[in-house]
Amino acid sequence: IVESVFDIIKDSLAAGERVKISGFGNFMVKEKRARRGRNPQTGEEISITARRVLTFKSSQVLRKSLNG
């Protein structure tokens, strides 16, 4: 059952949909643009490609339960 729920969440996120789990939080995919960056070890300027990143924002209910 848990694996089926994860598959549904994964498919929804891949389709660009936000996934809200009441009392827990929201998962969403954000688009990051290509940009210039720097290698922290060498200081060399590098190109960072555009990509999609997964973000999570916890609900107030979850935050309150964690903070007492």
PDB file of N, CA and C in Angstrom:
ATOM      1  N   ILE A   1       0.831  -1.195   0.000  1.00  0.00           N
ATOM      2  CA  ILE A   1       0.000   0.000   0.000  1.00  0.00           C
ATOM      3  C   ILE A   1       0.873   1.255   0.000  1.00  0.00           C
ATOM      4  N   VAL A   2       1.888   1.255   0.857  1.00  0.00           N
ATOM      5  CA  VAL A   2       2.767   2.428   0.949  1.00  0.00           C
ATOM      6  C   VAL A   2       3.461   2.678  -0.384  1.00  0.00           C
ATOM      7  N   GLU A   3       3.922   1.606  -1.017  1.00  0.00           N
ATOM      8  CA  GLU A   3       4.593   1.754  -2.310  1.00  0.00           C
ATOM      9  C   GLU A   3       3.639   2.328  -3.357  1.00  0.00           C
ATOM     10  N   SER A   4       2.384   1.927  -3.321  1.00  0.00           N
ATOM     11  CA  SER A   4       1.382   2.467  -4.247  1.00  0.00           C
ATOM     12  C   SER A   4       1.172   3.960  -4.025  1.00  0.00           C
ATOM     13  N   VAL A   5       1.140   4.377  -2.766  1.00  0.00           N
ATOM     14  CA  VAL A   5       0.990   5.804  -2.447  1.00  0.00           C
ATOM     15  C   VAL A   5       2.191   6.577  -2.972  1.00  0.00           C
ATOM     16  N   PHE A   6       3.402   6.044  -2.762  1.00  0.00           N
ATOM     17  CA  PHE A   6       4.609   6.710  -3.267  1.00  0.00           C
ATOM     18  C   PHE A   6       4.584   6.821  -4.787  1.00  0.00           C
ATOM     19  N   ASP A   7       4.098   5.785  -5.470  1.00  0.00           N
ATOM     20  CA  ASP A   7       4.002   5.829  -6.933  1.00  0.00           C
ATOM     21  C   ASP A   7       3.040   6.920  -7.387  1.00  0.00           C
ATOM     22  N   ILE A   8       1.923   7.060  -6.700  1.00  0.00           N
ATOM     23  CA  ILE A   8       0.947   8.105  -7.044  1.00  0.00           C
ATOM     24  C   ILE A   8       1.559   9.484  -6.836  1.00  0.00           C
ATOM     25  N   ILE A   9       2.254   9.668  -5.711  1.00  0.00           N
ATOM     26  CA  ILE A   9       2.913  10.949  -5.436  1.00  0.00           C
ATOM     27  C   ILE A   9       3.950  11.246  -6.509  1.00  0.00           C
ATOM     28  N   LYS A  10       4.763  10.259  -6.843  1.00  0.00           N
ATOM     29  CA  LYS A  10       5.813  10.437  -7.851  1.00  0.00           C
ATOM     30  C   LYS A  10       5.216  10.789  -9.210  1.00  0.00           C
ATOM     31  N   ASP A  11       4.154  10.104  -9.612  1.00  0.00           N
ATOM     32  CA  ASP A  11       3.509  10.383 -10.897  1.00  0.00           C
ATOM     33  C   ASP A  11       2.903  11.784 -10.922  1.00  0.00           C
ATOM     34  N   SER A  12       2.296  12.186  -9.821  1.00  0.00           N
ATOM     35  CA  SER A  12       1.702  13.526  -9.744  1.00  0.00           C
ATOM     36  C   SER A  12       2.773  14.604  -9.850  1.00  0.00           C
ATOM     37  N   LEU A  13       3.878  14.420  -9.143  1.00  0.00           N
ATOM     38  CA  LEU A  13       4.966  15.398  -9.199  1.00  0.00           C
ATOM     39  C   LEU A  13       5.586  15.452 -10.594  1.00  0.00           C
ATOM     40  N   ALA A  14       5.737  14.301 -11.235  1.00  0.00           N
ATOM     41  CA  ALA A  14       6.297  14.261 -12.586  1.00  0.00           C
ATOM     42  C   ALA A  14       5.397  14.997 -13.571  1.00  0.00           C
ATOM     43  N   ALA A  15       4.092  15.024 -13.293  1.00  0.00           N
ATOM     44  CA  ALA A  15       3.135  15.724 -14.149  1.00  0.00           C
ATOM     45  C   ALA A  15       3.063  17.216 -13.817  1.00  0.00           C
ATOM     46  N   GLY A  16       3.861  17.651 -12.844  1.00  0.00           N
ATOM     47  CA  GLY A  16       3.891  19.066 -12.490  1.00  0.00           C
ATOM     48  C   GLY A  16       2.847  19.480 -11.480  1.00  0.00           C
ATOM     49  N   GLU A  17       2.192  18.518 -10.859  1.00  0.00           N
ATOM     50  CA  GLU A  17       1.150  18.820  -9.878  1.00  0.00           C
ATOM     51  C   GLU A  17       1.745  18.956  -8.480  1.00  0.00           C
ATOM     52  N   ARG A  18       1.091  19.752  -7.652  1.00  0.00           N
ATOM     53  CA  ARG A  18       1.470  19.878  -6.244  1.00  0.00           C
ATOM     54  C   ARG A  18       0.781  18.749  -5.485  1.00  0.00           C
ATOM     55  N   VAL A  19       1.486  18.149  -4.526  1.00  0.00           N
ATOM     56  CA  VAL A  19       0.910  17.079  -3.718  1.00  0.00           C
ATOM     57  C   VAL A  19       0.781  17.590  -2.288  1.00  0.00           C
ATOM     58  N   LYS A  20      -0.459  17.654  -1.807  1.00  0.00           N
ATOM     59  CA  LYS A  20      -0.729  18.135  -0.454  1.00  0.00           C
ATOM     60  C   LYS A  20      -1.170  16.963   0.407  1.00  0.00           C
ATOM     61  N   ILE A  21      -0.467  16.776   1.523  1.00  0.00           N
ATOM     62  CA  ILE A  21      -0.845  15.759   2.496  1.00  0.00           C
ATOM     63  C   ILE A  21      -1.281  16.515   3.742  1.00  0.00           C
ATOM     64  N   SER A  22      -2.565  16.490   4.002  1.00  0.00           N
ATOM     65  CA  SER A  22      -3.154  17.265   5.091  1.00  0.00           C
ATOM     66  C   SER A  22      -2.479  16.937   6.424  1.00  0.00           C
ATOM     67  N   GLY A  23      -2.108  17.973   7.155  1.00  0.00           N
ATOM     68  CA  GLY A  23      -1.460  17.797   8.448  1.00  0.00           C
ATOM     69  C   GLY A  23       0.009  17.459   8.357  1.00  0.00           C
ATOM     70  N   PHE A  24       0.540  17.334   7.147  1.00  0.00           N
ATOM     71  CA  PHE A  24       1.952  16.983   6.960  1.00  0.00           C
ATOM     72  C   PHE A  24       2.682  18.057   6.172  1.00  0.00           C
ATOM     73  N   GLY A  25       2.223  18.332   4.933  1.00  0.00           N
ATOM     74  CA  GLY A  25       2.863  19.376   4.145  1.00  0.00           C
ATOM     75  C   GLY A  25       2.596  19.240   2.665  1.00  0.00           C
ATOM     76  N   ASN A  26       3.305  20.073   1.888  1.00  0.00           N
ATOM     77  CA  ASN A  26       3.156  20.108   0.432  1.00  0.00           C
ATOM     78  C   ASN A  26       4.468  19.757  -0.250  1.00  0.00           C
ATOM     79  N   PHE A  27       4.380  18.896  -1.252  1.00  0.00           N
ATOM     80  CA  PHE A  27       5.507  18.604  -2.124  1.00  0.00           C
ATOM     81  C   PHE A  27       5.229  19.290  -3.448  1.00  0.00           C
ATOM     82  N   MET A  28       6.248  19.901  -4.049  1.00  0.00           N
ATOM     83  CA  MET A  28       6.073  20.500  -5.366  1.00  0.00           C
ATOM     84  C   MET A  28       7.400  20.503  -6.113  1.00  0.00           C
ATOM     85  N   VAL A  29       7.300  20.558  -7.428  1.00  0.00           N
ATOM     86  CA  VAL A  29       8.482  20.613  -8.278  1.00  0.00           C
ATOM     87  C   VAL A  29       8.632  22.040  -8.774  1.00  0.00           C
ATOM     88  N   LYS A  30       9.838  22.577  -8.641  1.00  0.00           N
ATOM     89  CA  LYS A  30      10.117  23.927  -9.122  1.00  0.00           C
ATOM     90  C   LYS A  30      11.163  23.851 -10.220  1.00  0.00           C
ATOM     91  N   GLU A  31      11.031  24.763 -11.173  1.00  0.00           N
ATOM     92  CA  GLU A  31      11.981  24.847 -12.278  1.00  0.00           C
ATOM     93  C   GLU A  31      13.104  25.803 -11.892  1.00  0.00           C
ATOM     94  N   LYS A  32      14.343  25.341 -12.002  1.00  0.00           N
ATOM     95  CA  LYS A  32      15.504  26.201 -11.770  1.00  0.00           C
ATOM     96  C   LYS A  32      16.100  26.549 -13.128  1.00  0.00           C
ATOM     97  N   ARG A  33      16.368  27.832 -13.336  1.00  0.00           N
ATOM     98  CA  ARG A  33      16.965  28.269 -14.601  1.00  0.00           C
ATOM     99  C   ARG A  33      18.453  27.926 -14.634  1.00  0.00           C
ATOM    100  N   ALA A  34      18.999  27.882 -15.836  1.00  0.00           N
ATOM    101  CA  ALA A  34      20.447  27.718 -15.991  1.00  0.00           C
ATOM    102  C   ALA A  34      21.118  28.973 -15.446  1.00  0.00           C
ATOM    103  N   ARG A  35      22.291  28.791 -14.860  1.00  0.00           N
ATOM    104  CA  ARG A  35      22.993  29.947 -14.304  1.00  0.00           C
ATOM    105  C   ARG A  35      24.483  29.665 -14.217  1.00  0.00           C
ATOM    106  N   ARG A  36      25.226  30.703 -13.935  1.00  0.00           N
ATOM    107  CA  ARG A  36      26.663  30.580 -13.729  1.00  0.00           C
ATOM    108  C   ARG A  36      26.903  30.346 -12.243  1.00  0.00           C
ATOM    109  N   GLY A  37      27.837  29.475 -11.932  1.00  0.00           N
ATOM    110  CA  GLY A  37      28.177  29.190 -10.543  1.00  0.00           C
ATOM    111  C   GLY A  37      29.683  29.144 -10.392  1.00  0.00           C
ATOM    112  N   ARG A  38      30.129  28.726  -9.243  1.00  0.00           N
ATOM    113  CA  ARG A  38      31.557  28.679  -8.979  1.00  0.00           C
ATOM    114  C   ARG A  38      31.887  27.386  -8.241  1.00  0.00           C
ATOM    115  N   ASN A  39      32.948  26.723  -8.686  1.00  0.00           N
ATOM    116  CA  ASN A  39      33.434  25.535  -8.009  1.00  0.00           C
ATOM    117  C   ASN A  39      34.058  25.986  -6.689  1.00  0.00           C
ATOM    118  N   PRO A  40      33.529  25.539  -5.533  1.00  0.00           N
ATOM    119  CA  PRO A  40      34.041  26.031  -4.257  1.00  0.00           C
ATOM    120  C   PRO A  40      35.484  25.607  -3.958  1.00  0.00           C
ATOM    121  N   GLN A  41      35.943  24.520  -4.576  1.00  0.00           N
ATOM    122  CA  GLN A  41      37.310  24.055  -4.316  1.00  0.00           C
ATOM    123  C   GLN A  41      38.343  24.823  -5.125  1.00  0.00           C
ATOM    124  N   THR A  42      37.997  25.136  -6.382  1.00  0.00           N
ATOM    125  CA  THR A  42      38.984  25.775  -7.260  1.00  0.00           C
ATOM    126  C   THR A  42      38.680  27.236  -7.531  1.00  0.00           C
ATOM    127  N   GLY A  43      37.452  27.648  -7.288  1.00  0.00           N
ATOM    128  CA  GLY A  43      37.063  29.021  -7.598  1.00  0.00           C
ATOM    129  C   GLY A  43      36.736  29.218  -9.072  1.00  0.00           C
ATOM    130  N   GLU A  44      36.877  28.158  -9.862  1.00  0.00           N
ATOM    131  CA  GLU A  44      36.608  28.229 -11.301  1.00  0.00           C
ATOM    132  C   GLU A  44      35.121  28.455 -11.551  1.00  0.00           C
ATOM    133  N   GLU A  45      34.810  29.319 -12.512  1.00  0.00           N
ATOM    134  CA  GLU A  45      33.424  29.572 -12.872  1.00  0.00           C
ATOM    135  C   GLU A  45      32.909  28.394 -13.695  1.00  0.00           C
ATOM    136  N   ILE A  46      31.697  27.924 -13.363  1.00  0.00           N
ATOM    137  CA  ILE A  46      31.108  26.791 -14.073  1.00  0.00           C
ATOM    138  C   ILE A  46      29.682  27.127 -14.487  1.00  0.00           C
ATOM    139  N   SER A  47      29.175  26.342 -15.424  1.00  0.00           N
ATOM    140  CA  SER A  47      27.809  26.515 -15.892  1.00  0.00           C
ATOM    141  C   SER A  47      26.927  25.476 -15.204  1.00  0.00           C
ATOM    142  N   ILE A  48      25.845  25.935 -14.579  1.00  0.00           N
ATOM    143  CA  ILE A  48      24.893  25.035 -13.929  1.00  0.00           C
ATOM    144  C   ILE A  48      23.664  24.959 -14.829  1.00  0.00           C
ATOM    145  N   THR A  49      23.315  23.756 -15.245  1.00  0.00           N
ATOM    146  CA  THR A  49      22.222  23.576 -16.199  1.00  0.00           C
ATOM    147  C   THR A  49      20.859  23.780 -15.536  1.00  0.00           C
ATOM    148  N   ALA A  50      19.865  24.062 -16.358  1.00  0.00           N
ATOM    149  CA  ALA A  50      18.484  24.177 -15.878  1.00  0.00           C
ATOM    150  C   ALA A  50      18.038  22.805 -15.389  1.00  0.00           C
ATOM    151  N   ARG A  51      17.213  22.797 -14.362  1.00  0.00           N
ATOM    152  CA  ARG A  51      16.768  21.516 -13.823  1.00  0.00           C
ATOM    153  C   ARG A  51      15.489  21.701 -13.013  1.00  0.00           C
ATOM    154  N   ARG A  52      14.878  20.591 -12.694  1.00  0.00           N
ATOM    155  CA  ARG A  52      13.691  20.587 -11.839  1.00  0.00           C
ATOM    156  C   ARG A  52      14.122  20.081 -10.468  1.00  0.00           C
ATOM    157  N   VAL A  53      13.648  20.737  -9.412  1.00  0.00           N
ATOM    158  CA  VAL A  53      13.998  20.318  -8.059  1.00  0.00           C
ATOM    159  C   VAL A  53      12.722  20.089  -7.248  1.00  0.00           C
ATOM    160  N   LEU A  54      12.790  19.124  -6.364  1.00  0.00           N
ATOM    161  CA  LEU A  54      11.672  18.816  -5.485  1.00  0.00           C
ATOM    162  C   LEU A  54      11.784  19.672  -4.231  1.00  0.00           C
ATOM    163  N   THR A  55      10.690  20.322  -3.859  1.00  0.00           N
ATOM    164  CA  THR A  55      10.674  21.107  -2.627  1.00  0.00           C
ATOM    165  C   THR A  55       9.559  20.588  -1.728  1.00  0.00           C
ATOM    166  N   PHE A  56       9.741  20.793  -0.436  1.00  0.00           N
ATOM    167  CA  PHE A  56       8.749  20.382   0.552  1.00  0.00           C
ATOM    168  C   PHE A  56       8.558  21.518   1.533  1.00  0.00           C
ATOM    169  N   LYS A  57       7.315  21.831   1.815  1.00  0.00           N
ATOM    170  CA  LYS A  57       6.995  22.821   2.845  1.00  0.00           C
ATOM    171  C   LYS A  57       6.094  22.142   3.861  1.00  0.00           C
ATOM    172  N   SER A  58       6.559  22.083   5.092  1.00  0.00           N
ATOM    173  CA  SER A  58       5.783  21.410   6.131  1.00  0.00           C
ATOM    174  C   SER A  58       4.573  22.246   6.527  1.00  0.00           C
ATOM    175  N   SER A  59       3.535  21.557   6.983  1.00  0.00           N
ATOM    176  CA  SER A  59       2.319  22.250   7.424  1.00  0.00           C
ATOM    177  C   SER A  59       2.545  22.846   8.810  1.00  0.00           C
ATOM    178  N   GLN A  60       1.706  23.811   9.171  1.00  0.00           N
ATOM    179  CA  GLN A  60       1.791  24.396  10.512  1.00  0.00           C
ATOM    180  C   GLN A  60       1.521  23.340  11.579  1.00  0.00           C
ATOM    181  N   VAL A  61       0.627  22.408  11.290  1.00  0.00           N
ATOM    182  CA  VAL A  61       0.307  21.337  12.238  1.00  0.00           C
ATOM    183  C   VAL A  61       1.562  20.523  12.543  1.00  0.00           C
ATOM    184  N   LEU A  62       2.311  20.146  11.513  1.00  0.00           N
ATOM    185  CA  LEU A  62       3.534  19.367  11.703  1.00  0.00           C
ATOM    186  C   LEU A  62       4.581  20.181  12.451  1.00  0.00           C
ATOM    187  N   ARG A  63       4.759  21.438  12.065  1.00  0.00           N
ATOM    188  CA  ARG A  63       5.750  22.287  12.738  1.00  0.00           C
ATOM    189  C   ARG A  63       5.417  22.453  14.219  1.00  0.00           C
ATOM    190  N   LYS A  64       4.139  22.660  14.527  1.00  0.00           N
ATOM    191  CA  LYS A  64       3.735  22.817  15.933  1.00  0.00           C
ATOM    192  C   LYS A  64       3.978  21.541  16.726  1.00  0.00           C
ATOM    193  N   SER A  65       3.707  20.388  16.124  1.00  0.00           N
ATOM    194  CA  SER A  65       3.901  19.129  16.845  1.00  0.00           C
ATOM    195  C   SER A  65       5.386  18.853  17.093  1.00  0.00           C
ATOM    196  N   LEU A  66       6.247  19.308  16.189  1.00  0.00           N
ATOM    197  CA  LEU A  66       7.685  19.110  16.374  1.00  0.00           C
ATOM    198  C   LEU A  66       8.267  20.065  17.404  1.00  0.00           C
ATOM    199  N   ASN A  67       7.691  21.252  17.503  1.00  0.00           N
ATOM    200  CA  ASN A  67       8.224  22.268  18.410  1.00  0.00           C
ATOM    201  C   ASN A  67       7.520  22.314  19.760  1.00  0.00           C
ATOM    202  N   GLY A  68       6.618  21.398  19.975  1.00  0.00           N
ATOM    203  CA  GLY A  68       5.948  21.312  21.275  1.00  0.00           C
ATOM    204  C   GLY A  68       4.847  22.206  21.449  1.00  0.00           C
TER     205      GLY A  68
END
